[in-house]
N, C-alpha and C. Protein backbone atom coordinates (compact mmCIF):
# COMPACT_ATOMS: atom_id res chain seq x y z
N CYS A 1 -31.67 59.29 75.14
CA CYS A 1 -32.63 58.27 74.75
C CYS A 1 -32.64 58.09 73.24
N PRO A 2 -32.76 56.87 72.76
CA PRO A 2 -32.83 56.66 71.31
C PRO A 2 -34.12 57.22 70.75
N HIS A 3 -34.04 57.71 69.51
CA HIS A 3 -35.23 58.28 68.87
C HIS A 3 -36.19 57.16 68.48
N LEU A 4 -37.44 57.31 68.83
CA LEU A 4 -38.47 56.34 68.47
C LEU A 4 -39.33 56.91 67.37
N PRO A 5 -39.68 56.12 66.35
CA PRO A 5 -40.59 56.61 65.31
C PRO A 5 -41.92 56.96 65.92
N PHE A 6 -42.61 57.93 65.29
CA PHE A 6 -43.86 58.41 65.87
C PHE A 6 -44.87 57.30 66.06
N SER A 7 -44.86 56.31 65.15
CA SER A 7 -45.87 55.25 65.20
C SER A 7 -45.75 54.39 66.44
N SER A 8 -44.60 54.43 67.12
CA SER A 8 -44.43 53.60 68.31
C SER A 8 -44.76 54.35 69.58
N ILE A 9 -45.01 55.66 69.48
CA ILE A 9 -45.30 56.43 70.68
C ILE A 9 -46.68 57.07 70.62
N GLU A 10 -47.40 56.86 69.54
CA GLU A 10 -48.72 57.43 69.37
C GLU A 10 -49.77 56.32 69.32
N THR A 11 -51.00 56.68 69.64
CA THR A 11 -52.12 55.75 69.50
C THR A 11 -52.79 55.99 68.16
N HIS A 12 -53.04 54.94 67.40
CA HIS A 12 -53.65 55.07 66.07
C HIS A 12 -54.79 54.06 65.92
N THR A 13 -55.80 54.47 65.16
CA THR A 13 -56.98 53.63 64.96
C THR A 13 -57.26 53.45 63.48
N LEU A 14 -57.42 52.21 63.06
CA LEU A 14 -57.80 51.87 61.70
C LEU A 14 -59.24 51.36 61.73
N SER A 15 -60.07 51.89 60.84
CA SER A 15 -61.47 51.46 60.83
C SER A 15 -61.99 51.34 59.41
N TYR A 16 -62.95 50.45 59.24
CA TYR A 16 -63.65 50.28 57.97
C TYR A 16 -65.14 50.32 58.25
N ASN A 17 -65.83 51.20 57.54
CA ASN A 17 -67.27 51.35 57.69
C ASN A 17 -67.96 50.73 56.48
N PHE A 18 -68.75 49.71 56.73
CA PHE A 18 -69.45 49.01 55.66
C PHE A 18 -70.95 49.30 55.70
N THR A 19 -71.55 49.36 54.53
CA THR A 19 -73.01 49.36 54.40
C THR A 19 -73.35 48.14 53.56
N ILE A 20 -73.98 47.15 54.18
CA ILE A 20 -74.18 45.85 53.53
C ILE A 20 -75.66 45.48 53.49
N THR A 21 -76.11 45.08 52.31
CA THR A 21 -77.46 44.52 52.14
C THR A 21 -77.29 43.03 51.87
N PRO A 22 -77.39 42.19 52.90
CA PRO A 22 -77.11 40.75 52.73
C PRO A 22 -77.99 40.07 51.69
N LYS A 23 -79.28 40.40 51.69
CA LYS A 23 -80.22 39.78 50.75
C LYS A 23 -80.53 40.79 49.64
N PHE A 24 -79.66 40.83 48.66
CA PHE A 24 -79.80 41.82 47.60
C PHE A 24 -80.37 41.18 46.34
N THR A 25 -80.89 42.02 45.46
CA THR A 25 -81.40 41.55 44.17
C THR A 25 -80.32 41.72 43.11
N LEU A 26 -80.43 40.97 42.04
CA LEU A 26 -79.44 41.01 40.97
C LEU A 26 -79.29 42.43 40.44
N GLY A 27 -78.05 42.89 40.36
CA GLY A 27 -77.77 44.23 39.87
C GLY A 27 -77.76 45.30 40.93
N GLN A 28 -78.16 44.96 42.15
CA GLN A 28 -78.20 45.94 43.24
C GLN A 28 -76.81 46.09 43.86
N GLN A 29 -76.45 47.34 44.16
CA GLN A 29 -75.20 47.58 44.87
C GLN A 29 -75.40 47.18 46.33
N TRP A 30 -74.74 46.12 46.76
CA TRP A 30 -75.05 45.56 48.07
C TRP A 30 -74.00 45.86 49.14
N CYS A 31 -72.87 46.44 48.74
CA CYS A 31 -71.84 46.71 49.74
C CYS A 31 -71.02 47.94 49.38
N LYS A 32 -70.93 48.87 50.31
CA LYS A 32 -70.05 50.03 50.19
C LYS A 32 -69.12 50.04 51.40
N VAL A 33 -67.91 50.55 51.20
CA VAL A 33 -66.94 50.57 52.30
C VAL A 33 -66.15 51.88 52.28
N GLN A 34 -65.79 52.33 53.46
CA GLN A 34 -64.94 53.50 53.62
C GLN A 34 -63.87 53.16 54.65
N GLY A 35 -62.60 53.33 54.28
CA GLY A 35 -61.50 53.06 55.20
C GLY A 35 -60.96 54.35 55.79
N GLN A 36 -60.67 54.35 57.08
CA GLN A 36 -60.17 55.55 57.75
C GLN A 36 -59.06 55.19 58.73
N VAL A 37 -58.11 56.10 58.90
CA VAL A 37 -57.11 55.99 59.95
C VAL A 37 -57.17 57.28 60.75
N ASP A 38 -57.34 57.16 62.04
CA ASP A 38 -57.47 58.32 62.93
C ASP A 38 -58.54 59.29 62.43
N GLY A 39 -59.60 58.74 61.83
CA GLY A 39 -60.71 59.56 61.35
C GLY A 39 -60.50 60.17 59.98
N LYS A 40 -59.35 59.91 59.35
CA LYS A 40 -59.06 60.47 58.02
C LYS A 40 -59.29 59.40 56.97
N THR A 41 -60.10 59.72 55.99
CA THR A 41 -60.47 58.74 54.96
C THR A 41 -59.32 58.52 53.98
N PHE A 42 -59.00 57.25 53.71
CA PHE A 42 -57.96 56.92 52.74
C PHE A 42 -58.46 55.96 51.66
N LEU A 43 -59.68 55.44 51.82
CA LEU A 43 -60.22 54.49 50.84
C LEU A 43 -61.73 54.57 50.80
N ARG A 44 -62.29 54.49 49.61
CA ARG A 44 -63.72 54.31 49.42
C ARG A 44 -63.91 53.27 48.34
N GLY A 45 -65.02 52.54 48.43
CA GLY A 45 -65.21 51.56 47.38
C GLY A 45 -66.55 50.85 47.40
N ASN A 46 -66.81 50.17 46.30
CA ASN A 46 -67.97 49.29 46.14
C ASN A 46 -67.42 47.88 46.22
N CYS A 47 -67.54 47.26 47.41
CA CYS A 47 -66.91 45.95 47.60
C CYS A 47 -67.57 44.87 46.76
N GLY A 48 -68.85 45.03 46.44
CA GLY A 48 -69.51 44.04 45.62
C GLY A 48 -68.95 44.02 44.20
N ALA A 49 -68.65 45.20 43.66
CA ALA A 49 -68.10 45.31 42.31
C ALA A 49 -66.58 45.27 42.30
N LYS A 50 -65.96 45.19 43.48
CA LYS A 50 -64.50 45.17 43.62
C LYS A 50 -63.87 46.43 43.03
N ASN A 51 -64.52 47.55 43.28
CA ASN A 51 -64.06 48.85 42.80
C ASN A 51 -63.64 49.67 44.01
N PHE A 52 -62.33 49.97 44.13
CA PHE A 52 -61.82 50.67 45.30
C PHE A 52 -61.01 51.89 44.87
N GLU A 53 -61.15 52.98 45.61
CA GLU A 53 -60.50 54.23 45.28
C GLU A 53 -59.63 54.72 46.43
N PRO A 54 -58.34 55.02 46.16
CA PRO A 54 -57.51 55.63 47.20
C PRO A 54 -57.89 57.10 47.34
N CYS A 55 -57.99 57.58 48.56
CA CYS A 55 -58.42 58.95 48.81
C CYS A 55 -57.31 59.78 49.44
N ASP A 56 -57.16 61.00 48.95
CA ASP A 56 -56.25 61.96 49.56
C ASP A 56 -54.82 61.41 49.65
N PRO A 57 -53.91 62.15 50.23
CA PRO A 57 -52.51 61.70 50.30
C PRO A 57 -52.32 60.36 50.99
N LEU A 58 -53.15 60.07 51.99
CA LEU A 58 -52.99 58.81 52.72
C LEU A 58 -53.19 57.61 51.81
N GLY A 59 -54.27 57.64 51.03
CA GLY A 59 -54.55 56.54 50.13
C GLY A 59 -53.55 56.44 49.00
N LYS A 60 -53.15 57.59 48.46
CA LYS A 60 -52.20 57.59 47.35
C LYS A 60 -50.82 57.12 47.79
N GLU A 61 -50.49 57.35 49.06
CA GLU A 61 -49.18 56.95 49.58
C GLU A 61 -49.03 55.42 49.61
N ILE A 62 -50.13 54.71 49.86
CA ILE A 62 -50.03 53.25 49.98
C ILE A 62 -50.55 52.53 48.74
N TYR A 63 -51.13 53.26 47.79
CA TYR A 63 -51.70 52.62 46.60
C TYR A 63 -50.61 51.87 45.83
N GLY A 64 -50.88 50.63 45.50
CA GLY A 64 -49.94 49.83 44.73
C GLY A 64 -48.94 49.06 45.57
N THR A 65 -48.89 49.34 46.86
CA THR A 65 -47.96 48.63 47.73
C THR A 65 -48.52 47.25 48.09
N LYS A 66 -47.67 46.41 48.66
CA LYS A 66 -48.13 45.09 49.10
C LYS A 66 -49.23 45.23 50.15
N ALA A 67 -49.08 46.22 51.04
CA ALA A 67 -50.09 46.44 52.08
C ALA A 67 -51.44 46.78 51.46
N TRP A 68 -51.44 47.60 50.41
CA TRP A 68 -52.69 47.96 49.73
C TRP A 68 -53.34 46.72 49.11
N LYS A 69 -52.53 45.90 48.44
CA LYS A 69 -53.07 44.70 47.80
C LYS A 69 -53.59 43.70 48.83
N ASP A 70 -52.84 43.56 49.93
CA ASP A 70 -53.31 42.67 51.00
C ASP A 70 -54.65 43.14 51.56
N GLN A 71 -54.78 44.45 51.69
CA GLN A 71 -56.02 45.04 52.19
C GLN A 71 -57.20 44.68 51.29
N LEU A 72 -57.02 44.80 49.98
CA LEU A 72 -58.11 44.52 49.05
C LEU A 72 -58.52 43.05 49.08
N GLU A 73 -57.54 42.16 49.21
CA GLU A 73 -57.87 40.74 49.31
C GLU A 73 -58.68 40.45 50.57
N ILE A 74 -58.28 41.10 51.66
CA ILE A 74 -59.01 40.92 52.92
C ILE A 74 -60.42 41.47 52.80
N LEU A 75 -60.56 42.65 52.19
CA LEU A 75 -61.88 43.26 52.05
C LEU A 75 -62.79 42.42 51.17
N ILE A 76 -62.28 41.99 50.02
CA ILE A 76 -63.11 41.26 49.07
C ILE A 76 -63.58 39.92 49.65
N ASN A 77 -62.64 39.18 50.21
CA ASN A 77 -62.99 37.87 50.75
C ASN A 77 -63.71 37.98 52.08
N GLY A 78 -63.27 38.91 52.90
CA GLY A 78 -63.87 39.07 54.22
C GLY A 78 -65.30 39.55 54.16
N VAL A 79 -65.59 40.46 53.23
CA VAL A 79 -66.94 41.01 53.18
C VAL A 79 -67.94 39.97 52.70
N GLU A 80 -67.50 39.03 51.88
CA GLU A 80 -68.40 37.96 51.44
C GLU A 80 -68.73 37.04 52.61
N GLU A 81 -67.72 36.74 53.43
CA GLU A 81 -67.97 35.94 54.63
C GLU A 81 -68.88 36.70 55.59
N LEU A 82 -68.65 38.01 55.68
CA LEU A 82 -69.47 38.85 56.56
C LEU A 82 -70.91 38.87 56.08
N ARG A 83 -71.11 38.96 54.76
CA ARG A 83 -72.47 38.96 54.20
C ARG A 83 -73.20 37.68 54.57
N LYS A 84 -72.50 36.55 54.50
CA LYS A 84 -73.12 35.28 54.85
C LYS A 84 -73.53 35.26 56.32
N LYS A 85 -72.68 35.84 57.18
CA LYS A 85 -73.01 35.88 58.60
C LYS A 85 -74.24 36.75 58.85
N LEU A 86 -74.43 37.75 57.97
CA LEU A 86 -75.53 38.70 58.16
C LEU A 86 -76.83 38.26 57.49
N LEU A 87 -76.81 37.14 56.78
CA LEU A 87 -78.02 36.69 56.08
C LEU A 87 -79.19 36.48 57.03
N ASP A 88 -78.89 36.03 58.24
CA ASP A 88 -79.98 35.80 59.20
C ASP A 88 -80.06 36.91 60.25
N PHE A 89 -79.42 38.06 59.94
CA PHE A 89 -79.49 39.19 60.88
C PHE A 89 -80.90 39.76 60.87
N GLN A 90 -81.54 39.74 62.01
CA GLN A 90 -82.92 40.20 62.12
C GLN A 90 -83.06 41.19 63.27
N LEU A 91 -83.91 42.16 63.05
CA LEU A 91 -84.23 43.13 64.10
C LEU A 91 -85.68 42.92 64.52
N GLU A 92 -85.90 42.85 65.79
CA GLU A 92 -87.26 42.68 66.29
C GLU A 92 -88.10 43.90 65.95
N ASN A 93 -89.33 43.66 65.56
CA ASN A 93 -90.28 44.72 65.21
C ASN A 93 -89.91 45.44 63.91
N HIS A 94 -89.00 44.85 63.11
CA HIS A 94 -88.68 45.44 61.81
C HIS A 94 -89.67 44.87 60.79
N THR A 95 -90.58 45.71 60.30
CA THR A 95 -91.67 45.23 59.45
C THR A 95 -91.54 45.64 57.99
N SER A 96 -90.52 46.40 57.65
CA SER A 96 -90.37 46.85 56.27
C SER A 96 -90.15 45.66 55.33
N ARG A 97 -90.72 45.75 54.14
CA ARG A 97 -90.55 44.69 53.15
C ARG A 97 -89.24 44.87 52.38
N GLU A 98 -88.63 46.03 52.52
CA GLU A 98 -87.37 46.28 51.84
C GLU A 98 -86.26 45.44 52.48
N PRO A 99 -85.28 44.99 51.68
CA PRO A 99 -84.17 44.22 52.25
C PRO A 99 -83.46 45.03 53.34
N LEU A 100 -83.12 44.37 54.42
CA LEU A 100 -82.46 45.03 55.54
C LEU A 100 -81.03 45.41 55.17
N THR A 101 -80.67 46.66 55.37
CA THR A 101 -79.30 47.13 55.15
C THR A 101 -78.63 47.35 56.50
N VAL A 102 -77.52 46.66 56.71
CA VAL A 102 -76.83 46.71 58.00
C VAL A 102 -75.60 47.60 57.89
N GLU A 103 -75.42 48.47 58.86
CA GLU A 103 -74.24 49.34 58.92
C GLU A 103 -73.24 48.70 59.88
N VAL A 104 -72.06 48.41 59.37
CA VAL A 104 -71.05 47.69 60.15
C VAL A 104 -69.78 48.52 60.24
N ARG A 105 -69.25 48.63 61.43
CA ARG A 105 -67.98 49.32 61.64
C ARG A 105 -66.99 48.37 62.30
N MET A 106 -65.88 48.13 61.62
CA MET A 106 -64.79 47.33 62.18
C MET A 106 -63.63 48.26 62.49
N SER A 107 -63.12 48.22 63.69
CA SER A 107 -62.00 49.11 64.04
C SER A 107 -61.04 48.42 64.98
N CYS A 108 -59.75 48.74 64.81
CA CYS A 108 -58.74 48.25 65.74
C CYS A 108 -57.83 49.42 66.09
N GLN A 109 -57.37 49.43 67.32
CA GLN A 109 -56.56 50.53 67.83
C GLN A 109 -55.26 49.98 68.39
N ARG A 110 -54.16 50.61 67.97
CA ARG A 110 -52.86 50.25 68.54
C ARG A 110 -52.42 51.37 69.46
N GLU A 111 -52.22 51.02 70.72
CA GLU A 111 -51.84 52.01 71.72
C GLU A 111 -50.34 52.21 71.73
N ALA A 112 -49.88 53.20 72.50
CA ALA A 112 -48.47 53.54 72.54
C ALA A 112 -47.60 52.37 72.98
N ASN A 113 -48.15 51.49 73.81
CA ASN A 113 -47.39 50.33 74.28
C ASN A 113 -47.49 49.14 73.32
N ARG A 114 -48.05 49.42 72.12
CA ARG A 114 -48.19 48.44 71.03
C ARG A 114 -49.29 47.41 71.29
N HIS A 115 -50.03 47.57 72.37
CA HIS A 115 -51.18 46.69 72.61
C HIS A 115 -52.29 47.05 71.63
N THR A 116 -52.91 46.03 71.05
CA THR A 116 -53.96 46.26 70.06
C THR A 116 -55.28 45.67 70.54
N ASN A 117 -56.34 46.45 70.41
CA ASN A 117 -57.68 45.96 70.70
C ASN A 117 -58.61 46.43 69.59
N GLY A 118 -59.79 45.87 69.55
CA GLY A 118 -60.69 46.24 68.46
C GLY A 118 -62.13 45.94 68.78
N SER A 119 -63.00 46.34 67.86
CA SER A 119 -64.43 46.11 68.06
C SER A 119 -65.16 46.08 66.72
N TRP A 120 -66.32 45.46 66.76
CA TRP A 120 -67.29 45.50 65.66
C TRP A 120 -68.55 46.17 66.18
N GLN A 121 -69.14 47.03 65.35
CA GLN A 121 -70.42 47.64 65.68
C GLN A 121 -71.40 47.35 64.55
N PHE A 122 -72.60 46.95 64.91
CA PHE A 122 -73.64 46.66 63.92
C PHE A 122 -74.82 47.58 64.18
N GLY A 123 -75.27 48.26 63.13
CA GLY A 123 -76.34 49.22 63.31
C GLY A 123 -77.30 49.26 62.14
N PHE A 124 -78.28 50.12 62.29
CA PHE A 124 -79.34 50.27 61.29
C PHE A 124 -79.84 51.70 61.36
N HIS A 125 -79.86 52.39 60.21
CA HIS A 125 -80.32 53.78 60.16
C HIS A 125 -79.56 54.67 61.15
N GLY A 126 -78.26 54.46 61.24
CA GLY A 126 -77.43 55.33 62.07
C GLY A 126 -77.42 55.01 63.55
N GLN A 127 -78.15 53.98 63.98
CA GLN A 127 -78.20 53.63 65.39
C GLN A 127 -77.53 52.28 65.62
N VAL A 128 -76.60 52.24 66.58
CA VAL A 128 -75.89 51.01 66.90
C VAL A 128 -76.81 50.06 67.67
N PHE A 129 -76.82 48.79 67.25
CA PHE A 129 -77.66 47.78 67.89
C PHE A 129 -76.85 46.76 68.68
N LEU A 130 -75.67 46.42 68.14
CA LEU A 130 -74.90 45.33 68.73
C LEU A 130 -73.41 45.64 68.61
N VAL A 131 -72.63 45.31 69.67
CA VAL A 131 -71.20 45.61 69.70
C VAL A 131 -70.44 44.37 70.15
N PHE A 132 -69.32 44.10 69.45
CA PHE A 132 -68.43 43.00 69.85
C PHE A 132 -67.08 43.58 70.22
N ASP A 133 -66.54 43.16 71.37
CA ASP A 133 -65.27 43.66 71.88
C ASP A 133 -64.23 42.54 71.84
N SER A 134 -63.08 42.82 71.20
CA SER A 134 -62.06 41.78 71.07
C SER A 134 -61.35 41.49 72.38
N GLU A 135 -61.36 42.42 73.31
CA GLU A 135 -60.64 42.25 74.57
C GLU A 135 -61.19 41.07 75.37
N ASN A 136 -62.50 41.01 75.47
CA ASN A 136 -63.12 39.95 76.27
C ASN A 136 -64.02 39.03 75.45
N ARG A 137 -64.08 39.28 74.14
CA ARG A 137 -64.91 38.48 73.23
C ARG A 137 -66.38 38.50 73.65
N ASN A 138 -66.80 39.61 74.17
CA ASN A 138 -68.18 39.75 74.64
C ASN A 138 -69.03 40.52 73.64
N TRP A 139 -70.30 40.15 73.58
CA TRP A 139 -71.28 40.87 72.79
C TRP A 139 -72.09 41.77 73.73
N THR A 140 -72.26 43.02 73.34
CA THR A 140 -73.02 43.98 74.14
C THR A 140 -74.25 44.42 73.37
N LEU A 141 -75.40 44.32 74.00
CA LEU A 141 -76.65 44.74 73.38
C LEU A 141 -76.80 46.25 73.55
N ALA A 142 -76.82 46.97 72.43
CA ALA A 142 -76.95 48.42 72.47
C ALA A 142 -78.38 48.86 72.19
N HIS A 143 -79.23 47.94 71.73
CA HIS A 143 -80.63 48.24 71.43
C HIS A 143 -81.42 46.94 71.56
N PRO A 144 -82.56 46.96 72.22
CA PRO A 144 -83.34 45.72 72.44
C PRO A 144 -83.76 45.02 71.16
N GLY A 145 -83.77 45.74 70.05
CA GLY A 145 -84.19 45.13 68.79
C GLY A 145 -83.25 44.04 68.29
N ALA A 146 -82.02 44.00 68.82
CA ALA A 146 -81.05 43.00 68.37
C ALA A 146 -80.83 41.91 69.41
N ARG A 147 -81.76 41.76 70.33
CA ARG A 147 -81.60 40.79 71.41
C ARG A 147 -81.46 39.35 70.87
N GLN A 148 -82.28 39.00 69.90
CA GLN A 148 -82.22 37.64 69.36
C GLN A 148 -80.90 37.38 68.65
N MET A 149 -80.40 38.39 67.91
CA MET A 149 -79.13 38.21 67.21
C MET A 149 -77.99 38.08 68.20
N LYS A 150 -78.03 38.84 69.27
CA LYS A 150 -76.99 38.74 70.30
C LYS A 150 -76.94 37.33 70.87
N GLU A 151 -78.09 36.80 71.22
CA GLU A 151 -78.14 35.46 71.80
C GLU A 151 -77.67 34.41 70.80
N LYS A 152 -78.00 34.62 69.54
CA LYS A 152 -77.63 33.64 68.52
C LYS A 152 -76.13 33.65 68.27
N TRP A 153 -75.55 34.87 68.15
CA TRP A 153 -74.13 34.97 67.83
C TRP A 153 -73.24 34.63 69.01
N GLU A 154 -73.60 35.06 70.21
CA GLU A 154 -72.73 34.81 71.35
C GLU A 154 -72.70 33.32 71.72
N ASN A 155 -73.68 32.56 71.26
CA ASN A 155 -73.70 31.12 71.51
C ASN A 155 -73.10 30.32 70.36
N ASN A 156 -72.56 31.04 69.37
CA ASN A 156 -71.94 30.39 68.21
C ASN A 156 -70.44 30.70 68.24
N THR A 157 -69.65 29.71 68.64
CA THR A 157 -68.21 29.91 68.77
C THR A 157 -67.56 30.29 67.45
N ASP A 158 -68.00 29.70 66.35
CA ASP A 158 -67.42 29.98 65.04
C ASP A 158 -67.61 31.45 64.66
N VAL A 159 -68.80 31.98 64.90
CA VAL A 159 -69.07 33.38 64.58
C VAL A 159 -68.22 34.30 65.45
N THR A 160 -68.17 34.01 66.73
CA THR A 160 -67.38 34.83 67.65
C THR A 160 -65.91 34.85 67.25
N MET A 161 -65.36 33.69 66.92
CA MET A 161 -63.94 33.62 66.56
C MET A 161 -63.69 34.27 65.20
N PHE A 162 -64.65 34.22 64.30
CA PHE A 162 -64.51 34.90 63.01
C PHE A 162 -64.29 36.39 63.22
N PHE A 163 -65.15 37.01 64.01
CA PHE A 163 -65.02 38.45 64.25
C PHE A 163 -63.77 38.77 65.07
N HIS A 164 -63.45 37.93 66.04
CA HIS A 164 -62.29 38.16 66.90
C HIS A 164 -60.98 38.06 66.11
N ASN A 165 -60.85 37.04 65.27
CA ASN A 165 -59.60 36.82 64.55
C ASN A 165 -59.32 37.90 63.52
N ILE A 166 -60.36 38.44 62.91
CA ILE A 166 -60.14 39.53 61.96
C ILE A 166 -59.57 40.75 62.68
N LEU A 167 -60.07 41.03 63.87
CA LEU A 167 -59.60 42.20 64.62
C LEU A 167 -58.16 42.05 65.06
N ILE A 168 -57.81 40.92 65.64
CA ILE A 168 -56.46 40.76 66.19
C ILE A 168 -55.47 40.23 65.15
N GLY A 169 -55.99 39.84 63.97
CA GLY A 169 -55.13 39.34 62.91
C GLY A 169 -55.02 40.32 61.77
N ASP A 170 -56.01 40.31 60.87
CA ASP A 170 -55.95 41.14 59.67
C ASP A 170 -55.90 42.63 59.96
N CYS A 171 -56.79 43.10 60.82
CA CYS A 171 -56.86 44.54 61.10
C CYS A 171 -55.56 45.02 61.74
N LYS A 172 -55.06 44.27 62.69
CA LYS A 172 -53.81 44.62 63.38
C LYS A 172 -52.64 44.66 62.40
N THR A 173 -52.55 43.66 61.52
CA THR A 173 -51.46 43.60 60.55
C THR A 173 -51.52 44.76 59.57
N LEU A 174 -52.73 45.07 59.07
CA LEU A 174 -52.87 46.18 58.14
C LEU A 174 -52.47 47.49 58.77
N LEU A 175 -52.90 47.74 59.99
CA LEU A 175 -52.56 48.99 60.67
C LEU A 175 -51.05 49.11 60.83
N THR A 176 -50.40 48.04 61.24
CA THR A 176 -48.94 48.06 61.41
C THR A 176 -48.24 48.34 60.09
N ASP A 177 -48.68 47.68 59.02
CA ASP A 177 -48.06 47.87 57.70
C ASP A 177 -48.31 49.28 57.17
N PHE A 178 -49.52 49.78 57.33
CA PHE A 178 -49.85 51.12 56.83
C PHE A 178 -49.01 52.19 57.53
N LEU A 179 -48.80 52.03 58.82
CA LEU A 179 -48.09 53.06 59.58
C LEU A 179 -46.66 53.24 59.11
N THR A 180 -46.06 52.21 58.54
CA THR A 180 -44.70 52.35 58.02
C THR A 180 -44.67 53.29 56.82
N HIS A 181 -45.79 53.41 56.11
CA HIS A 181 -45.88 54.32 54.96
C HIS A 181 -46.37 55.70 55.36
N TRP A 182 -47.08 55.80 56.46
CA TRP A 182 -47.77 57.04 56.82
C TRP A 182 -47.05 57.87 57.88
N GLU A 183 -45.82 57.51 58.21
CA GLU A 183 -45.14 58.18 59.32
C GLU A 183 -45.12 59.70 59.15
N LYS A 184 -44.76 60.17 57.96
CA LYS A 184 -44.68 61.62 57.75
C LYS A 184 -46.06 62.27 57.66
N LEU A 185 -47.02 61.54 57.10
CA LEU A 185 -48.35 62.12 56.90
C LEU A 185 -49.16 62.19 58.18
N LEU A 186 -48.81 61.37 59.17
CA LEU A 186 -49.58 61.34 60.41
C LEU A 186 -48.78 61.88 61.59
N GLN A 187 -47.82 62.76 61.32
CA GLN A 187 -47.07 63.35 62.42
C GLN A 187 -48.02 64.06 63.37
N PRO A 188 -47.83 63.91 64.69
CA PRO A 188 -48.72 64.57 65.65
C PRO A 188 -48.65 66.08 65.49
N THR A 189 -49.81 66.74 65.61
CA THR A 189 -49.86 68.19 65.48
C THR A 189 -49.39 68.85 66.75
N GLU A 190 -48.92 70.09 66.62
CA GLU A 190 -48.47 70.84 67.79
C GLU A 190 -49.63 71.11 68.71
N ARG A 191 -49.38 70.95 69.99
CA ARG A 191 -50.41 71.24 70.95
C ARG A 191 -50.58 72.75 71.09
N SER A 192 -51.80 73.18 71.30
CA SER A 192 -52.07 74.60 71.42
C SER A 192 -51.48 75.14 72.71
N THR A 193 -50.93 76.35 72.62
CA THR A 193 -50.34 77.00 73.80
C THR A 193 -51.34 77.90 74.48
N LYS A 194 -52.56 77.95 73.94
CA LYS A 194 -53.57 78.81 74.53
C LYS A 194 -54.18 78.15 75.75
N GLY A 195 -54.68 78.94 76.66
CA GLY A 195 -55.28 78.44 77.88
C GLY A 195 -56.58 77.74 77.61
N PRO A 196 -57.06 76.98 78.59
CA PRO A 196 -58.29 76.21 78.39
C PRO A 196 -59.51 77.08 78.18
N GLY A 197 -59.45 78.34 78.62
CA GLY A 197 -60.62 79.19 78.48
C GLY A 197 -60.68 79.92 77.16
N THR A 198 -59.65 79.75 76.34
CA THR A 198 -59.59 80.46 75.07
C THR A 198 -60.30 79.66 74.00
N ALA A 199 -61.19 80.32 73.29
CA ALA A 199 -61.93 79.62 72.23
C ALA A 199 -60.98 79.26 71.10
N GLN A 200 -61.08 78.06 70.61
CA GLN A 200 -60.23 77.58 69.53
C GLN A 200 -61.00 77.68 68.22
N PRO A 201 -60.32 78.05 67.14
CA PRO A 201 -61.00 78.12 65.85
C PRO A 201 -61.42 76.73 65.40
N LYS A 202 -62.59 76.64 64.80
CA LYS A 202 -63.08 75.35 64.32
C LYS A 202 -62.34 74.97 63.05
N ALA A 203 -62.08 73.68 62.93
CA ALA A 203 -61.39 73.19 61.74
C ALA A 203 -62.31 73.32 60.54
N ARG A 204 -61.72 73.75 59.44
CA ARG A 204 -62.51 73.91 58.22
C ARG A 204 -62.74 72.54 57.59
N ALA A 205 -63.97 72.27 57.24
CA ALA A 205 -64.31 70.98 56.65
C ALA A 205 -63.64 70.83 55.30
N THR A 206 -63.07 69.66 55.03
CA THR A 206 -62.44 69.40 53.76
C THR A 206 -63.08 68.16 53.13
N ARG A 207 -63.08 68.14 51.83
CA ARG A 207 -63.70 67.03 51.13
C ARG A 207 -62.62 66.08 50.63
N SER A 208 -62.77 64.81 50.92
CA SER A 208 -61.79 63.83 50.49
C SER A 208 -61.86 63.68 48.98
N ILE A 209 -60.68 63.58 48.37
CA ILE A 209 -60.59 63.41 46.93
C ILE A 209 -60.15 61.98 46.66
N CYS A 210 -60.96 61.25 45.90
CA CYS A 210 -60.64 59.86 45.61
C CYS A 210 -60.42 59.69 44.12
N CYS A 211 -59.48 58.83 43.77
CA CYS A 211 -59.23 58.51 42.37
C CYS A 211 -59.99 57.25 42.03
N SER A 212 -60.69 57.24 40.92
CA SER A 212 -61.49 56.08 40.55
C SER A 212 -60.59 55.01 39.93
N LEU A 213 -60.51 53.89 40.60
CA LEU A 213 -59.69 52.78 40.13
C LEU A 213 -60.48 51.50 40.30
N THR A 214 -60.66 50.76 39.26
CA THR A 214 -61.40 49.50 39.33
C THR A 214 -60.43 48.34 39.38
N LEU A 215 -60.63 47.46 40.32
CA LEU A 215 -59.73 46.32 40.47
C LEU A 215 -60.55 45.05 40.58
N PHE A 216 -60.22 44.09 39.76
CA PHE A 216 -60.92 42.81 39.84
C PHE A 216 -59.93 41.76 40.33
N LEU A 217 -60.24 41.17 41.45
CA LEU A 217 -59.37 40.16 42.04
C LEU A 217 -60.14 38.85 42.19
N PRO A 218 -59.50 37.72 41.94
CA PRO A 218 -60.17 36.44 42.18
C PRO A 218 -60.39 36.24 43.66
N CYS A 219 -61.55 35.72 44.00
CA CYS A 219 -61.91 35.56 45.42
C CYS A 219 -61.59 34.15 45.91
N PHE A 220 -60.29 33.83 45.92
CA PHE A 220 -59.93 32.49 46.37
C PHE A 220 -59.10 32.51 47.64
N ILE A 221 -58.71 33.66 48.11
CA ILE A 221 -57.91 33.75 49.31
C ILE A 221 -58.83 33.95 50.49
N LEU A 222 -58.91 32.98 51.38
CA LEU A 222 -59.82 33.03 52.51
C LEU A 222 -59.13 33.59 53.72
N LEU A 223 -59.90 34.24 54.57
CA LEU A 223 -59.37 34.76 55.81
C LEU A 223 -58.95 33.60 56.71
N ALA A 224 -57.80 33.77 57.34
CA ALA A 224 -57.34 32.76 58.30
C ALA A 224 -58.14 32.88 59.57
N ILE A 225 -58.78 31.81 59.96
CA ILE A 225 -59.60 31.82 61.18
C ILE A 225 -59.04 30.76 62.14
């Protein structure tokens, strides 16, 4: 059999975790982002200030490449569009006078057969409220507090297609491009030869190391929808 690169026989997941305050005051940090592949952090940044840091070997491996630059353009322009979509994001029974901060997770997964699917999760204070699935373009209510937003977004074709196209377009392309650089760094680990009843040692927690790099890019490249 011909040798296949690991990226074509393994399942990999690319995700971006955003913390966004749509209605922010002047000078307030309104957007933070963390990029991960298979749960390993490779990017952190302040998307509002366009300040992004490559983290650990994964981030340093792709820093400066075309894929890295494409990623930043997508993040900068995409997050502004996302902020606009979130301006009317409301939670029922939310009475705080403080501006609402929404936790957003965008993720896409490429399976061994190269099929790609993805999802968006919207939450508040660590609890998921609303989920969008690219497979069926359906919105799932995870908490009754987001019922009005679910009804509003699922009845808006433009909003649904915005989230869907990013998952099957930008996210899928970035994951494919990144994997060409990460083949050696993401080699599958050896499976344990110990029996199922044998206790396995817990992995030691490690802290991601990020290099501080500030990048200012003009925001004229729009996401293809």
